[in-house]
Amino acid sequence: MTYTFLPDLSSQLPDIPEDSIVSRTLFSDETTKVVLFGFAAGQELSEHTASRPAIIHFLEGEAELTLGEDVHQASAGAWAHMPPHLPHSILAKTRVVLLLTLL
């Protein structure tokens, strides 16, 4: 049996240059993909959808998270489950680190 253990998620992300979004896939198999994202302040992931359910967990920073027609203020500890095909977007107000899990 194999497993993945990461003692410090933030150490898995490279430096986040100004005006950039960086990502790193931490785990992927036939059912799950886990991606760590880092956003510089002011960066935006414009509205899009995913073909599979997803969970987003904010680890650091403050952002505006749009889920469908609803706009939420998200900060460290915020968590959301998104069904497939839900339009969503993220605007980083500060440096943001989040974990995306695609199911």
N, C-alpha and C. Protein backbone atom coordinates (compact mmCIF):
# COMPACT_ATOMS: atom_id res chain seq x y z
N MET A 1 0.84 -1.17 0.00
CA MET A 1 0.00 0.00 0.00
C MET A 1 0.90 1.24 0.00
N THR A 2 0.59 2.18 -0.86
CA THR A 2 1.34 3.43 -0.89
C THR A 2 0.45 4.56 -0.41
N TYR A 3 1.07 5.62 0.06
CA TYR A 3 0.32 6.78 0.51
C TYR A 3 1.16 8.03 0.25
N THR A 4 0.53 9.16 0.41
CA THR A 4 1.22 10.44 0.26
C THR A 4 1.09 11.21 1.56
N PHE A 5 2.21 11.68 2.07
CA PHE A 5 2.23 12.50 3.28
C PHE A 5 3.06 13.73 3.00
N LEU A 6 2.48 14.90 3.23
CA LEU A 6 3.18 16.16 3.05
C LEU A 6 3.12 16.91 4.39
N PRO A 7 4.21 17.05 5.08
CA PRO A 7 4.18 17.68 6.41
C PRO A 7 3.91 19.18 6.37
N ASP A 8 4.13 19.83 5.22
CA ASP A 8 3.94 21.27 5.11
C ASP A 8 3.52 21.62 3.69
N LEU A 9 2.23 21.86 3.48
CA LEU A 9 1.74 22.17 2.14
C LEU A 9 2.40 23.41 1.54
N SER A 10 2.58 24.44 2.35
CA SER A 10 3.12 25.68 1.80
C SER A 10 4.53 25.50 1.23
N SER A 11 5.28 24.55 1.74
CA SER A 11 6.63 24.31 1.20
C SER A 11 6.58 23.66 -0.18
N GLN A 12 5.43 23.17 -0.59
CA GLN A 12 5.28 22.51 -1.89
C GLN A 12 5.06 23.50 -3.03
N LEU A 13 4.83 24.77 -2.67
CA LEU A 13 4.52 25.80 -3.67
C LEU A 13 5.75 26.66 -3.92
N PRO A 14 6.09 26.90 -5.18
CA PRO A 14 7.23 27.79 -5.44
C PRO A 14 6.86 29.22 -5.06
N ASP A 15 7.84 30.12 -5.05
CA ASP A 15 7.55 31.53 -4.82
C ASP A 15 6.49 31.99 -5.81
N ILE A 16 5.66 32.92 -5.38
CA ILE A 16 4.60 33.43 -6.25
C ILE A 16 5.04 34.80 -6.76
N PRO A 17 5.47 34.88 -8.01
CA PRO A 17 5.89 36.17 -8.56
C PRO A 17 4.70 37.14 -8.63
N GLU A 18 4.99 38.44 -8.58
CA GLU A 18 3.94 39.43 -8.75
C GLU A 18 3.24 39.17 -10.08
N ASP A 19 1.97 39.48 -10.12
CA ASP A 19 1.17 39.34 -11.34
C ASP A 19 1.13 37.90 -11.86
N SER A 20 1.15 36.92 -10.94
CA SER A 20 1.17 35.53 -11.38
C SER A 20 0.27 34.64 -10.53
N ILE A 21 -0.07 33.52 -11.12
CA ILE A 21 -0.73 32.42 -10.43
C ILE A 21 0.14 31.20 -10.68
N VAL A 22 0.48 30.48 -9.63
CA VAL A 22 1.28 29.26 -9.78
C VAL A 22 0.48 28.08 -9.24
N SER A 23 0.78 26.90 -9.75
CA SER A 23 0.09 25.71 -9.26
C SER A 23 1.04 24.52 -9.29
N ARG A 24 0.71 23.55 -8.46
CA ARG A 24 1.47 22.31 -8.43
C ARG A 24 0.53 21.17 -8.09
N THR A 25 0.53 20.15 -8.94
CA THR A 25 -0.27 18.96 -8.66
C THR A 25 0.45 18.16 -7.58
N LEU A 26 -0.27 17.92 -6.47
CA LEU A 26 0.31 17.19 -5.35
C LEU A 26 -0.01 15.71 -5.41
N PHE A 27 -1.14 15.38 -6.03
CA PHE A 27 -1.58 13.98 -6.08
C PHE A 27 -2.54 13.82 -7.24
N SER A 28 -2.45 12.68 -7.91
CA SER A 28 -3.39 12.38 -8.99
C SER A 28 -3.48 10.87 -9.16
N ASP A 29 -4.71 10.38 -9.19
CA ASP A 29 -4.93 8.98 -9.54
C ASP A 29 -6.20 8.92 -10.39
N GLU A 30 -6.78 7.74 -10.55
CA GLU A 30 -7.92 7.59 -11.45
C GLU A 30 -9.20 8.27 -10.94
N THR A 31 -9.26 8.63 -9.65
CA THR A 31 -10.49 9.23 -9.12
C THR A 31 -10.31 10.62 -8.53
N THR A 32 -9.09 11.01 -8.20
CA THR A 32 -8.87 12.25 -7.46
C THR A 32 -7.64 12.98 -7.99
N LYS A 33 -7.74 14.31 -8.04
CA LYS A 33 -6.59 15.14 -8.37
C LYS A 33 -6.55 16.28 -7.37
N VAL A 34 -5.39 16.50 -6.76
CA VAL A 34 -5.23 17.55 -5.75
C VAL A 34 -4.17 18.54 -6.26
N VAL A 35 -4.56 19.82 -6.33
CA VAL A 35 -3.68 20.85 -6.87
C VAL A 35 -3.57 21.99 -5.86
N LEU A 36 -2.34 22.40 -5.58
CA LEU A 36 -2.07 23.54 -4.71
C LEU A 36 -1.87 24.77 -5.59
N PHE A 37 -2.60 25.85 -5.30
CA PHE A 37 -2.52 27.08 -6.08
C PHE A 37 -1.99 28.21 -5.21
N GLY A 38 -1.23 29.10 -5.81
CA GLY A 38 -0.80 30.33 -5.17
C GLY A 38 -1.11 31.49 -6.09
N PHE A 39 -1.80 32.50 -5.57
CA PHE A 39 -2.16 33.68 -6.33
C PHE A 39 -1.44 34.89 -5.75
N ALA A 40 -0.83 35.71 -6.59
CA ALA A 40 -0.33 37.00 -6.13
C ALA A 40 -1.55 37.90 -5.93
N ALA A 41 -1.41 38.89 -5.06
CA ALA A 41 -2.51 39.84 -4.82
C ALA A 41 -2.96 40.46 -6.14
N GLY A 42 -4.27 40.53 -6.32
CA GLY A 42 -4.84 41.13 -7.52
C GLY A 42 -5.05 40.17 -8.68
N GLN A 43 -4.55 38.96 -8.57
CA GLN A 43 -4.71 38.00 -9.67
C GLN A 43 -6.09 37.36 -9.63
N GLU A 44 -6.58 36.99 -10.81
CA GLU A 44 -7.94 36.46 -10.92
C GLU A 44 -7.95 35.23 -11.81
N LEU A 45 -8.71 34.25 -11.38
CA LEU A 45 -9.04 33.10 -12.20
C LEU A 45 -10.45 33.37 -12.69
N SER A 46 -10.58 33.74 -13.96
CA SER A 46 -11.88 34.16 -14.48
C SER A 46 -12.89 33.02 -14.46
N GLU A 47 -14.15 33.38 -14.64
CA GLU A 47 -15.23 32.40 -14.55
C GLU A 47 -14.99 31.22 -15.49
N HIS A 48 -15.18 30.04 -14.93
CA HIS A 48 -15.03 28.80 -15.68
C HIS A 48 -15.84 27.72 -14.98
N THR A 49 -15.86 26.53 -15.54
CA THR A 49 -16.54 25.39 -14.93
C THR A 49 -15.60 24.19 -14.95
N ALA A 50 -15.94 23.20 -14.18
CA ALA A 50 -15.20 21.93 -14.17
C ALA A 50 -16.18 20.81 -14.47
N SER A 51 -15.72 19.79 -15.15
CA SER A 51 -16.61 18.69 -15.54
C SER A 51 -16.84 17.70 -14.41
N ARG A 52 -16.15 17.88 -13.30
CA ARG A 52 -16.30 16.96 -12.17
C ARG A 52 -16.46 17.75 -10.88
N PRO A 53 -17.00 17.12 -9.83
CA PRO A 53 -17.14 17.81 -8.55
C PRO A 53 -15.76 18.24 -8.04
N ALA A 54 -15.76 19.33 -7.28
CA ALA A 54 -14.50 19.85 -6.76
C ALA A 54 -14.70 20.43 -5.36
N ILE A 55 -13.62 20.41 -4.59
CA ILE A 55 -13.60 21.03 -3.27
C ILE A 55 -12.46 22.04 -3.27
N ILE A 56 -12.75 23.23 -2.78
CA ILE A 56 -11.74 24.27 -2.67
C ILE A 56 -11.60 24.63 -1.19
N HIS A 57 -10.34 24.69 -0.74
CA HIS A 57 -10.05 24.99 0.66
C HIS A 57 -9.00 26.10 0.69
N PHE A 58 -9.37 27.25 1.21
CA PHE A 58 -8.45 28.38 1.31
C PHE A 58 -7.53 28.17 2.51
N LEU A 59 -6.23 28.25 2.27
CA LEU A 59 -5.24 28.02 3.32
C LEU A 59 -4.62 29.31 3.83
N GLU A 60 -4.61 30.34 2.98
CA GLU A 60 -3.94 31.59 3.33
C GLU A 60 -4.53 32.72 2.49
N GLY A 61 -4.64 33.90 3.07
CA GLY A 61 -5.02 35.10 2.33
C GLY A 61 -6.50 35.38 2.32
N GLU A 62 -6.87 36.38 1.51
CA GLU A 62 -8.26 36.81 1.36
C GLU A 62 -8.60 36.91 -0.11
N ALA A 63 -9.79 36.43 -0.45
CA ALA A 63 -10.21 36.41 -1.85
C ALA A 63 -11.71 36.59 -1.95
N GLU A 64 -12.13 36.94 -3.15
CA GLU A 64 -13.55 36.97 -3.48
C GLU A 64 -13.81 35.71 -4.31
N LEU A 65 -14.69 34.86 -3.83
CA LEU A 65 -15.02 33.60 -4.48
C LEU A 65 -16.45 33.70 -5.00
N THR A 66 -16.61 33.56 -6.30
CA THR A 66 -17.95 33.57 -6.90
C THR A 66 -18.32 32.14 -7.24
N LEU A 67 -19.46 31.71 -6.72
CA LEU A 67 -20.02 30.37 -6.99
C LEU A 67 -21.39 30.58 -7.59
N GLY A 68 -21.52 30.31 -8.88
CA GLY A 68 -22.79 30.61 -9.56
C GLY A 68 -23.03 32.10 -9.51
N GLU A 69 -24.16 32.51 -8.95
CA GLU A 69 -24.51 33.93 -8.83
C GLU A 69 -24.10 34.52 -7.48
N ASP A 70 -23.58 33.69 -6.57
CA ASP A 70 -23.27 34.13 -5.22
C ASP A 70 -21.80 34.52 -5.08
N VAL A 71 -21.55 35.66 -4.42
CA VAL A 71 -20.19 36.14 -4.17
C VAL A 71 -19.91 36.01 -2.68
N HIS A 72 -18.79 35.38 -2.35
CA HIS A 72 -18.40 35.14 -0.96
C HIS A 72 -17.03 35.75 -0.71
N GLN A 73 -16.83 36.23 0.51
CA GLN A 73 -15.51 36.65 0.96
C GLN A 73 -14.87 35.43 1.60
N ALA A 74 -13.74 35.01 1.07
CA ALA A 74 -13.08 33.80 1.56
C ALA A 74 -11.73 34.16 2.16
N SER A 75 -11.42 33.54 3.28
CA SER A 75 -10.11 33.71 3.91
C SER A 75 -9.65 32.35 4.42
N ALA A 76 -8.49 32.32 5.06
CA ALA A 76 -7.93 31.05 5.54
C ALA A 76 -8.98 30.27 6.33
N GLY A 77 -9.18 29.03 5.94
CA GLY A 77 -10.16 28.18 6.58
C GLY A 77 -11.45 28.03 5.81
N ALA A 78 -11.71 28.92 4.83
CA ALA A 78 -12.94 28.81 4.03
C ALA A 78 -12.88 27.55 3.18
N TRP A 79 -14.03 26.94 2.98
CA TRP A 79 -14.13 25.65 2.28
C TRP A 79 -15.41 25.64 1.46
N ALA A 80 -15.36 25.09 0.25
CA ALA A 80 -16.56 24.99 -0.58
C ALA A 80 -16.52 23.71 -1.40
N HIS A 81 -17.68 23.09 -1.54
CA HIS A 81 -17.87 21.97 -2.45
C HIS A 81 -18.61 22.50 -3.66
N MET A 82 -18.14 22.17 -4.85
CA MET A 82 -18.77 22.64 -6.09
C MET A 82 -19.21 21.44 -6.92
N PRO A 83 -20.48 21.41 -7.31
CA PRO A 83 -20.92 20.32 -8.19
C PRO A 83 -20.35 20.55 -9.59
N PRO A 84 -20.38 19.52 -10.43
CA PRO A 84 -19.89 19.69 -11.80
C PRO A 84 -20.65 20.82 -12.51
N HIS A 85 -19.92 21.53 -13.37
CA HIS A 85 -20.48 22.55 -14.26
C HIS A 85 -20.95 23.82 -13.56
N LEU A 86 -20.62 24.01 -12.28
CA LEU A 86 -20.97 25.25 -11.59
C LEU A 86 -19.99 26.35 -12.01
N PRO A 87 -20.48 27.44 -12.58
CA PRO A 87 -19.58 28.55 -12.91
C PRO A 87 -18.97 29.11 -11.62
N HIS A 88 -17.67 29.35 -11.64
CA HIS A 88 -17.01 29.90 -10.46
C HIS A 88 -15.78 30.70 -10.88
N SER A 89 -15.36 31.62 -9.99
CA SER A 89 -14.18 32.43 -10.24
C SER A 89 -13.57 32.83 -8.90
N ILE A 90 -12.30 33.27 -8.95
CA ILE A 90 -11.58 33.68 -7.75
C ILE A 90 -10.81 34.96 -8.05
N LEU A 91 -10.93 35.94 -7.17
CA LEU A 91 -10.15 37.18 -7.24
C LEU A 91 -9.37 37.30 -5.94
N ALA A 92 -8.06 37.27 -6.03
CA ALA A 92 -7.21 37.36 -4.84
C ALA A 92 -7.08 38.81 -4.41
N LYS A 93 -7.51 39.10 -3.19
CA LYS A 93 -7.35 40.45 -2.64
C LYS A 93 -5.96 40.62 -2.03
N THR A 94 -5.42 39.53 -1.50
CA THR A 94 -4.07 39.47 -0.95
C THR A 94 -3.41 38.24 -1.57
N ARG A 95 -2.20 37.95 -1.17
CA ARG A 95 -1.58 36.68 -1.58
C ARG A 95 -2.48 35.57 -1.07
N VAL A 96 -2.82 34.62 -1.94
CA VAL A 96 -3.75 33.54 -1.59
C VAL A 96 -3.11 32.20 -1.91
N VAL A 97 -3.28 31.26 -0.99
CA VAL A 97 -2.89 29.88 -1.22
C VAL A 97 -4.14 29.04 -0.98
N LEU A 98 -4.45 28.15 -1.93
CA LEU A 98 -5.63 27.29 -1.78
C LEU A 98 -5.34 25.90 -2.32
N LEU A 99 -6.12 24.98 -1.83
CA LEU A 99 -6.02 23.58 -2.24
C LEU A 99 -7.29 23.22 -2.98
N LEU A 100 -7.13 22.73 -4.21
CA LEU A 100 -8.24 22.30 -5.04
C LEU A 100 -8.21 20.78 -5.15
N THR A 101 -9.33 20.15 -4.83
CA THR A 101 -9.46 18.69 -4.97
C THR A 101 -10.54 18.41 -5.98
N LEU A 102 -10.17 17.78 -7.08
CA LEU A 102 -11.12 17.36 -8.12
C LEU A 102 -11.47 15.90 -7.85
N LEU A 103 -12.76 15.61 -7.79
CA LEU A 103 -13.22 14.26 -7.45
C LEU A 103 -13.66 13.50 -8.69
